[in-house]
């Protein structure tokens, strides 16, 4: 599987060490194993996981600004775990309300020896961290409005919201709550993934 990952990475400008490649493959192997028992993702095939979960997360990495991030509604650690592997110098909190998902993330953190990830089981509205975040990440929310509404208490005053979306949600961007603004919409290229991917970066107007 590492050869397959390397072939996908070769289609990007991402710089990934051998250790990181091994961790990413180990993550897919673990997710595939747990998925049979706990139904963590609808994607069953490890090769599809490489594209739709690993590469889909990694392409966000170059756009992260800051040191401390939270992945809200992380599910089985996506995009948080791949991004934490790619950015060992950054700190990630992975938040989900479902126990089986956080148990998986906790196991992955242990097996991959990740020192920069804190799994937290909580509903987002009940999670009030002592230290706020440079960036709030999610691919879980149905709409930008939902993400901003439920996560507005999480970033630092100059923090950013990063929404991982498919087709660019032009209509949603136009009707953003007036307290928030679009910073930039990055068109992402995920090797061998059909369909569009975008990273929508937003901030609160102070």
C-alpha atoms as a PDB file:
ATOM      1  CA  UNK A   1       0.000   0.000   0.000  1.00  0.00           C
ATOM      2  CA  UNK A   2       2.944   2.339   0.560  1.00  0.00           C
ATOM      3  CA  UNK A   3       3.732   2.218  -3.164  1.00  0.00           C
ATOM      4  CA  UNK A   4       0.168   3.273  -3.913  1.00  0.00           C
ATOM      5  CA  UNK A   5       0.421   6.145  -1.446  1.00  0.00           C
ATOM      6  CA  UNK A   6       3.727   7.262  -2.975  1.00  0.00           C
ATOM      7  CA  UNK A   7       2.158   7.229  -6.448  1.00  0.00           C
ATOM      8  CA  UNK A   8      -0.655   9.482  -5.195  1.00  0.00           C
ATOM      9  CA  UNK A   9       1.735  11.813  -3.362  1.00  0.00           C
ATOM     10  CA  UNK A  10       3.874  12.118  -6.496  1.00  0.00           C
ATOM     11  CA  UNK A  11       0.900  13.858  -8.137  1.00  0.00           C
ATOM     12  CA  UNK A  12       1.087  16.650  -5.525  1.00  0.00           C
ATOM     13  CA  UNK A  13       3.749  19.044  -4.246  1.00  0.00           C
ATOM     14  CA  UNK A  14       3.460  17.664  -0.700  1.00  0.00           C
ATOM     15  CA  UNK A  15       6.717  16.743   1.040  1.00  0.00           C
ATOM     16  CA  UNK A  16       6.178  13.614   3.146  1.00  0.00           C
ATOM     17  CA  UNK A  17       8.868  11.713   5.060  1.00  0.00           C
ATOM     18  CA  UNK A  18       9.188   7.916   5.059  1.00  0.00           C
ATOM     19  CA  UNK A  19       8.034   7.837   8.686  1.00  0.00           C
ATOM     20  CA  UNK A  20       4.946   9.885   7.831  1.00  0.00           C
ATOM     21  CA  UNK A  21       4.157   7.579   4.897  1.00  0.00           C
ATOM     22  CA  UNK A  22       4.373   4.577   7.214  1.00  0.00           C
ATOM     23  CA  UNK A  23       2.067   6.296   9.715  1.00  0.00           C
ATOM     24  CA  UNK A  24      -0.481   7.141   7.008  1.00  0.00           C
ATOM     25  CA  UNK A  25      -0.535   3.553   5.742  1.00  0.00           C
ATOM     26  CA  UNK A  26      -0.804   2.267   9.322  1.00  0.00           C
ATOM     27  CA  UNK A  27      -3.777   4.600   9.840  1.00  0.00           C
ATOM     28  CA  UNK A  28      -5.570   3.168   6.797  1.00  0.00           C
ATOM     29  CA  UNK A  29      -4.811  -0.390   7.936  1.00  0.00           C
ATOM     30  CA  UNK A  30      -6.203   0.344  11.402  1.00  0.00           C
ATOM     31  CA  UNK A  31      -9.287   2.116  10.030  1.00  0.00           C
ATOM     32  CA  UNK A  32      -9.991  -0.791   7.677  1.00  0.00           C
ATOM     33  CA  UNK A  33      -9.691  -3.248  10.572  1.00  0.00           C
ATOM     34  CA  UNK A  34     -11.934  -1.267  12.951  1.00  0.00           C
ATOM     35  CA  UNK A  35     -14.431  -0.440  10.231  1.00  0.00           C
ATOM     36  CA  UNK A  36     -15.414  -4.092   9.867  1.00  0.00           C
ATOM     37  CA  UNK A  37     -16.646  -4.132  13.469  1.00  0.00           C
ATOM     38  CA  UNK A  38     -17.634  -0.538  14.190  1.00  0.00           C
ATOM     39  CA  UNK A  39     -18.801   0.892  10.851  1.00  0.00           C
ATOM     40  CA  UNK A  40     -16.797   4.129  11.126  1.00  0.00           C
ATOM     41  CA  UNK A  41     -16.926   5.032   7.424  1.00  0.00           C
ATOM     42  CA  UNK A  42     -18.984   4.025   4.386  1.00  0.00           C
ATOM     43  CA  UNK A  43     -15.738   3.579   2.434  1.00  0.00           C
ATOM     44  CA  UNK A  44     -14.756  -0.075   2.792  1.00  0.00           C
ATOM     45  CA  UNK A  45     -11.791  -0.456   0.459  1.00  0.00           C
ATOM     46  CA  UNK A  46      -8.310   0.558   1.734  1.00  0.00           C
ATOM     47  CA  UNK A  47      -7.314   1.960  -1.656  1.00  0.00           C
ATOM     48  CA  UNK A  48     -10.383   4.212  -1.704  1.00  0.00           C
ATOM     49  CA  UNK A  49      -9.567   5.230   1.871  1.00  0.00           C
ATOM     50  CA  UNK A  50      -6.142   6.387   0.669  1.00  0.00           C
ATOM     51  CA  UNK A  51      -7.765   8.712  -1.863  1.00  0.00           C
ATOM     52  CA  UNK A  52     -11.004   9.799  -0.171  1.00  0.00           C
ATOM     53  CA  UNK A  53      -9.743  10.015   3.406  1.00  0.00           C
ATOM     54  CA  UNK A  54      -5.950  10.403   3.430  1.00  0.00           C
ATOM     55  CA  UNK A  55      -5.213  12.446   0.301  1.00  0.00           C
ATOM     56  CA  UNK A  56      -8.457  14.417   0.716  1.00  0.00           C
ATOM     57  CA  UNK A  57      -7.177  15.515   4.139  1.00  0.00           C
ATOM     58  CA  UNK A  58      -3.499  16.033   3.269  1.00  0.00           C
ATOM     59  CA  UNK A  59      -4.129  18.558   0.486  1.00  0.00           C
ATOM     60  CA  UNK A  60      -5.442  20.969   3.139  1.00  0.00           C
ATOM     61  CA  UNK A  61      -2.099  20.974   4.990  1.00  0.00           C
ATOM     62  CA  UNK A  62      -0.327  23.789   3.071  1.00  0.00           C
ATOM     63  CA  UNK A  63      -3.117  26.233   3.947  1.00  0.00           C
ATOM     64  CA  UNK A  64      -3.063  25.850   7.737  1.00  0.00           C
ATOM     65  CA  UNK A  65      -2.007  29.022   9.559  1.00  0.00           C
ATOM     66  CA  UNK A  66      -1.007  28.821  13.222  1.00  0.00           C
ATOM     67  CA  UNK A  67      -0.035  26.195  15.769  1.00  0.00           C
ATOM     68  CA  UNK A  68      -3.235  24.973  17.448  1.00  0.00           C
ATOM     69  CA  UNK A  69      -6.213  23.427  15.654  1.00  0.00           C
ATOM     70  CA  UNK A  70      -9.471  21.647  16.399  1.00  0.00           C
ATOM     71  CA  UNK A  71     -11.221  19.201  14.073  1.00  0.00           C
ATOM     72  CA  UNK A  72     -14.942  19.359  14.912  1.00  0.00           C
ATOM     73  CA  UNK A  73     -17.004  16.262  14.141  1.00  0.00           C
ATOM     74  CA  UNK A  74     -13.793  14.386  13.394  1.00  0.00           C
ATOM     75  CA  UNK A  75     -15.492  10.994  12.923  1.00  0.00           C
ATOM     76  CA  UNK A  76     -12.637   8.485  12.606  1.00  0.00           C
ATOM     77  CA  UNK A  77     -10.084  11.308  12.784  1.00  0.00           C
ATOM     78  CA  UNK A  78     -10.632  13.042   9.455  1.00  0.00           C
ATOM     79  CA  UNK A  79      -9.051  15.343   8.467  1.00  0.00           C
ATOM     80  CA  UNK A  80      -7.378  15.663  11.890  1.00  0.00           C
ATOM     81  CA  UNK A  81      -5.224  12.522  12.051  1.00  0.00           C
ATOM     82  CA  UNK A  82      -3.628  12.839   8.582  1.00  0.00           C
ATOM     83  CA  UNK A  83      -3.015  16.551   9.217  1.00  0.00           C
ATOM     84  CA  UNK A  84      -1.451  15.802  12.618  1.00  0.00           C
ATOM     85  CA  UNK A  85       0.851  13.242  10.976  1.00  0.00           C
ATOM     86  CA  UNK A  86       1.860  15.832   8.381  1.00  0.00           C
ATOM     87  CA  UNK A  87       2.359  18.601  10.963  1.00  0.00           C
ATOM     88  CA  UNK A  88       4.087  17.173  14.054  1.00  0.00           C
ATOM     89  CA  UNK A  89       4.918  20.736  15.148  1.00  0.00           C
ATOM     90  CA  UNK A  90       1.219  21.692  15.344  1.00  0.00           C
ATOM     91  CA  UNK A  91      -1.270  20.709  18.045  1.00  0.00           C
ATOM     92  CA  UNK A  92      -4.632  19.114  17.202  1.00  0.00           C
ATOM     93  CA  UNK A  93      -7.748  18.494  19.282  1.00  0.00           C
ATOM     94  CA  UNK A  94     -10.081  15.952  17.622  1.00  0.00           C
ATOM     95  CA  UNK A  95     -13.664  16.378  18.807  1.00  0.00           C
ATOM     96  CA  UNK A  96     -16.618  14.044  18.316  1.00  0.00           C
ATOM     97  CA  UNK A  97     -19.715  13.228  20.353  1.00  0.00           C
ATOM     98  CA  UNK A  98     -19.718   9.500  19.489  1.00  0.00           C
ATOM     99  CA  UNK A  99     -17.762   7.183  21.762  1.00  0.00           C
ATOM    100  CA  UNK A 100     -16.754   4.588  19.163  1.00  0.00           C
ATOM    101  CA  UNK A 101     -15.199   7.256  16.959  1.00  0.00           C
ATOM    102  CA  UNK A 102     -13.149   8.746  19.786  1.00  0.00           C
ATOM    103  CA  UNK A 103     -12.104   5.242  20.904  1.00  0.00           C
ATOM    104  CA  UNK A 104     -10.760   4.659  17.407  1.00  0.00           C
ATOM    105  CA  UNK A 105      -8.941   8.013  17.369  1.00  0.00           C
ATOM    106  CA  UNK A 106      -7.455   7.249  20.801  1.00  0.00           C
ATOM    107  CA  UNK A 107      -6.230   3.856  19.569  1.00  0.00           C
ATOM    108  CA  UNK A 108      -4.753   5.425  16.426  1.00  0.00           C
ATOM    109  CA  UNK A 109      -2.931   8.059  18.495  1.00  0.00           C
ATOM    110  CA  UNK A 110      -1.484   5.266  20.660  1.00  0.00           C
ATOM    111  CA  UNK A 111      -0.470   2.958  17.793  1.00  0.00           C
ATOM    112  CA  UNK A 112       0.976   5.727  15.614  1.00  0.00           C
ATOM    113  CA  UNK A 113       2.725   7.314  18.625  1.00  0.00           C
ATOM    114  CA  UNK A 114       1.264  10.753  17.905  1.00  0.00           C
ATOM    115  CA  UNK A 115       2.204  13.243  20.622  1.00  0.00           C
ATOM    116  CA  UNK A 116       0.350  16.224  19.118  1.00  0.00           C
ATOM    117  CA  UNK A 117      -3.240  14.904  19.195  1.00  0.00           C
ATOM    118  CA  UNK A 118      -5.819  15.142  21.995  1.00  0.00           C
ATOM    119  CA  UNK A 119      -9.053  13.172  21.386  1.00  0.00           C
ATOM    120  CA  UNK A 120     -12.128  14.646  23.109  1.00  0.00           C
ATOM    121  CA  UNK A 121     -15.615  13.119  23.320  1.00  0.00           C
ATOM    122  CA  UNK A 122     -18.097  15.977  23.590  1.00  0.00           C
ATOM    123  CA  UNK A 123     -20.798  17.827  21.745  1.00  0.00           C
ATOM    124  CA  UNK A 124     -19.283  20.972  20.254  1.00  0.00           C
ATOM    125  CA  UNK A 125     -21.610  23.355  22.109  1.00  0.00           C
ATOM    126  CA  UNK A 126     -20.555  21.829  25.451  1.00  0.00           C
ATOM    127  CA  UNK A 127     -16.825  22.002  24.751  1.00  0.00           C
ATOM    128  CA  UNK A 128     -15.235  25.166  26.124  1.00  0.00           C
ATOM    129  CA  UNK A 129     -11.433  24.970  25.945  1.00  0.00           C
ATOM    130  CA  UNK A 130      -9.246  27.082  28.218  1.00  0.00           C
ATOM    131  CA  UNK A 131      -7.016  27.921  25.251  1.00  0.00           C
ATOM    132  CA  UNK A 132      -8.715  28.916  21.989  1.00  0.00           C
ATOM    133  CA  UNK A 133      -7.605  27.761  18.537  1.00  0.00           C
ATOM    134  CA  UNK A 134      -5.773  29.291  15.588  1.00  0.00           C
ATOM    135  CA  UNK A 135      -7.952  27.217  13.283  1.00  0.00           C
ATOM    136  CA  UNK A 136     -11.275  25.363  13.428  1.00  0.00           C
ATOM    137  CA  UNK A 137     -11.462  22.564  10.859  1.00  0.00           C
ATOM    138  CA  UNK A 138     -14.407  20.462   9.763  1.00  0.00           C
ATOM    139  CA  UNK A 139     -15.731  18.380   6.938  1.00  0.00           C
ATOM    140  CA  UNK A 140     -18.731  17.287   9.022  1.00  0.00           C
ATOM    141  CA  UNK A 141     -21.161  20.212   8.810  1.00  0.00           C
ATOM    142  CA  UNK A 142     -23.882  20.291   6.165  1.00  0.00           C
ATOM    143  CA  UNK A 143     -23.570  24.059   5.727  1.00  0.00           C
ATOM    144  CA  UNK A 144     -21.126  26.894   6.384  1.00  0.00           C
ATOM    145  CA  UNK A 145     -23.812  28.591   8.488  1.00  0.00           C
ATOM    146  CA  UNK A 146     -24.088  25.543  10.762  1.00  0.00           C
ATOM    147  CA  UNK A 147     -20.331  25.389  11.192  1.00  0.00           C
ATOM    148  CA  UNK A 148     -20.016  29.065  12.105  1.00  0.00           C
ATOM    149  CA  UNK A 149     -23.022  28.901  14.449  1.00  0.00           C
ATOM    150  CA  UNK A 150     -21.844  25.867  16.415  1.00  0.00           C
ATOM    151  CA  UNK A 151     -18.104  26.651  16.403  1.00  0.00           C
ATOM    152  CA  UNK A 152     -17.970  30.417  16.882  1.00  0.00           C
ATOM    153  CA  UNK A 153     -16.746  30.085  20.503  1.00  0.00           C
ATOM    154  CA  UNK A 154     -13.661  28.051  19.542  1.00  0.00           C
ATOM    155  CA  UNK A 155     -11.188  30.266  17.615  1.00  0.00           C
ATOM    156  CA  UNK A 156      -8.885  32.964  18.942  1.00  0.00           C
ATOM    157  CA  UNK A 157      -9.885  36.538  17.973  1.00  0.00           C
ATOM    158  CA  UNK A 158      -7.781  36.259  14.807  1.00  0.00           C
ATOM    159  CA  UNK A 159      -8.498  32.551  14.294  1.00  0.00           C
ATOM    160  CA  UNK A 160      -9.832  31.042  11.076  1.00  0.00           C
ATOM    161  CA  UNK A 161     -12.561  28.571  10.131  1.00  0.00           C
ATOM    162  CA  UNK A 162     -11.604  25.933   7.547  1.00  0.00           C
ATOM    163  CA  UNK A 163     -14.548  24.134   5.927  1.00  0.00           C
ATOM    164  CA  UNK A 164     -13.748  21.171   3.658  1.00  0.00           C
ATOM    165  CA  UNK A 165     -16.414  21.089   0.955  1.00  0.00           C
ATOM    166  CA  UNK A 166     -17.089  19.502  -2.410  1.00  0.00           C
ATOM    167  CA  UNK A 167     -18.449  21.879  -5.032  1.00  0.00           C
ATOM    168  CA  UNK A 168     -17.784  25.519  -4.095  1.00  0.00           C
ATOM    169  CA  UNK A 169     -20.872  26.592  -2.071  1.00  0.00           C
ATOM    170  CA  UNK A 170     -21.297  29.943  -3.823  1.00  0.00           C
ATOM    171  CA  UNK A 171     -24.848  30.468  -2.573  1.00  0.00           C
ATOM    172  CA  UNK A 172     -23.861  29.803   1.040  1.00  0.00           C
ATOM    173  CA  UNK A 173     -20.907  32.175   0.763  1.00  0.00           C
ATOM    174  CA  UNK A 174     -23.168  34.956  -0.538  1.00  0.00           C
ATOM    175  CA  UNK A 175     -25.576  34.543   2.369  1.00  0.00           C
ATOM    176  CA  UNK A 176     -22.966  34.268   5.155  1.00  0.00           C
ATOM    177  CA  UNK A 177     -23.966  35.789   8.474  1.00  0.00           C
ATOM    178  CA  UNK A 178     -22.816  39.424   8.415  1.00  0.00           C
ATOM    179  CA  UNK A 179     -20.623  38.767  11.478  1.00  0.00           C
ATOM    180  CA  UNK A 180     -18.387  36.575   9.327  1.00  0.00           C
ATOM    181  CA  UNK A 181     -16.471  37.008   6.093  1.00  0.00           C
ATOM    182  CA  UNK A 182     -14.911  34.798   3.455  1.00  0.00           C
ATOM    183  CA  UNK A 183     -11.121  35.019   3.532  1.00  0.00           C
ATOM    184  CA  UNK A 184     -10.419  32.758   0.559  1.00  0.00           C
ATOM    185  CA  UNK A 185     -11.829  29.736  -1.268  1.00  0.00           C
ATOM    186  CA  UNK A 186      -9.067  27.351  -2.339  1.00  0.00           C
ATOM    187  CA  UNK A 187      -9.780  24.888  -5.128  1.00  0.00           C
ATOM    188  CA  UNK A 188      -8.144  21.648  -4.042  1.00  0.00           C
ATOM    189  CA  UNK A 189      -6.710  18.986  -6.305  1.00  0.00           C
ATOM    190  CA  UNK A 190      -6.989  15.491  -4.848  1.00  0.00           C
ATOM    191  CA  UNK A 191      -5.197  12.917  -7.025  1.00  0.00           C
ATOM    192  CA  UNK A 192      -7.580  10.435  -8.684  1.00  0.00           C
ATOM    193  CA  UNK A 193     -10.638  11.772  -6.848  1.00  0.00           C
ATOM    194  CA  UNK A 194     -13.687  12.370  -8.996  1.00  0.00           C
ATOM    195  CA  UNK A 195     -15.576  15.570  -8.286  1.00  0.00           C
ATOM    196  CA  UNK A 196     -14.554  18.974  -6.998  1.00  0.00           C
ATOM    197  CA  UNK A 197     -13.042  19.775  -3.601  1.00  0.00           C
ATOM    198  CA  UNK A 198     -12.735  23.199  -2.005  1.00  0.00           C
ATOM    199  CA  UNK A 199     -11.345  24.599   1.219  1.00  0.00           C
ATOM    200  CA  UNK A 200     -13.448  27.541   2.390  1.00  0.00           C
ATOM    201  CA  UNK A 201     -11.549  29.786   4.817  1.00  0.00           C
ATOM    202  CA  UNK A 202     -13.599  32.229   6.901  1.00  0.00           C
ATOM    203  CA  UNK A 203     -13.127  34.582   9.836  1.00  0.00           C
ATOM    204  CA  UNK A 204     -15.262  36.519  12.288  1.00  0.00           C
ATOM    205  CA  UNK A 205     -15.425  40.272  11.702  1.00  0.00           C
ATOM    206  CA  UNK A 206     -14.223  42.097  14.824  1.00  0.00           C
END
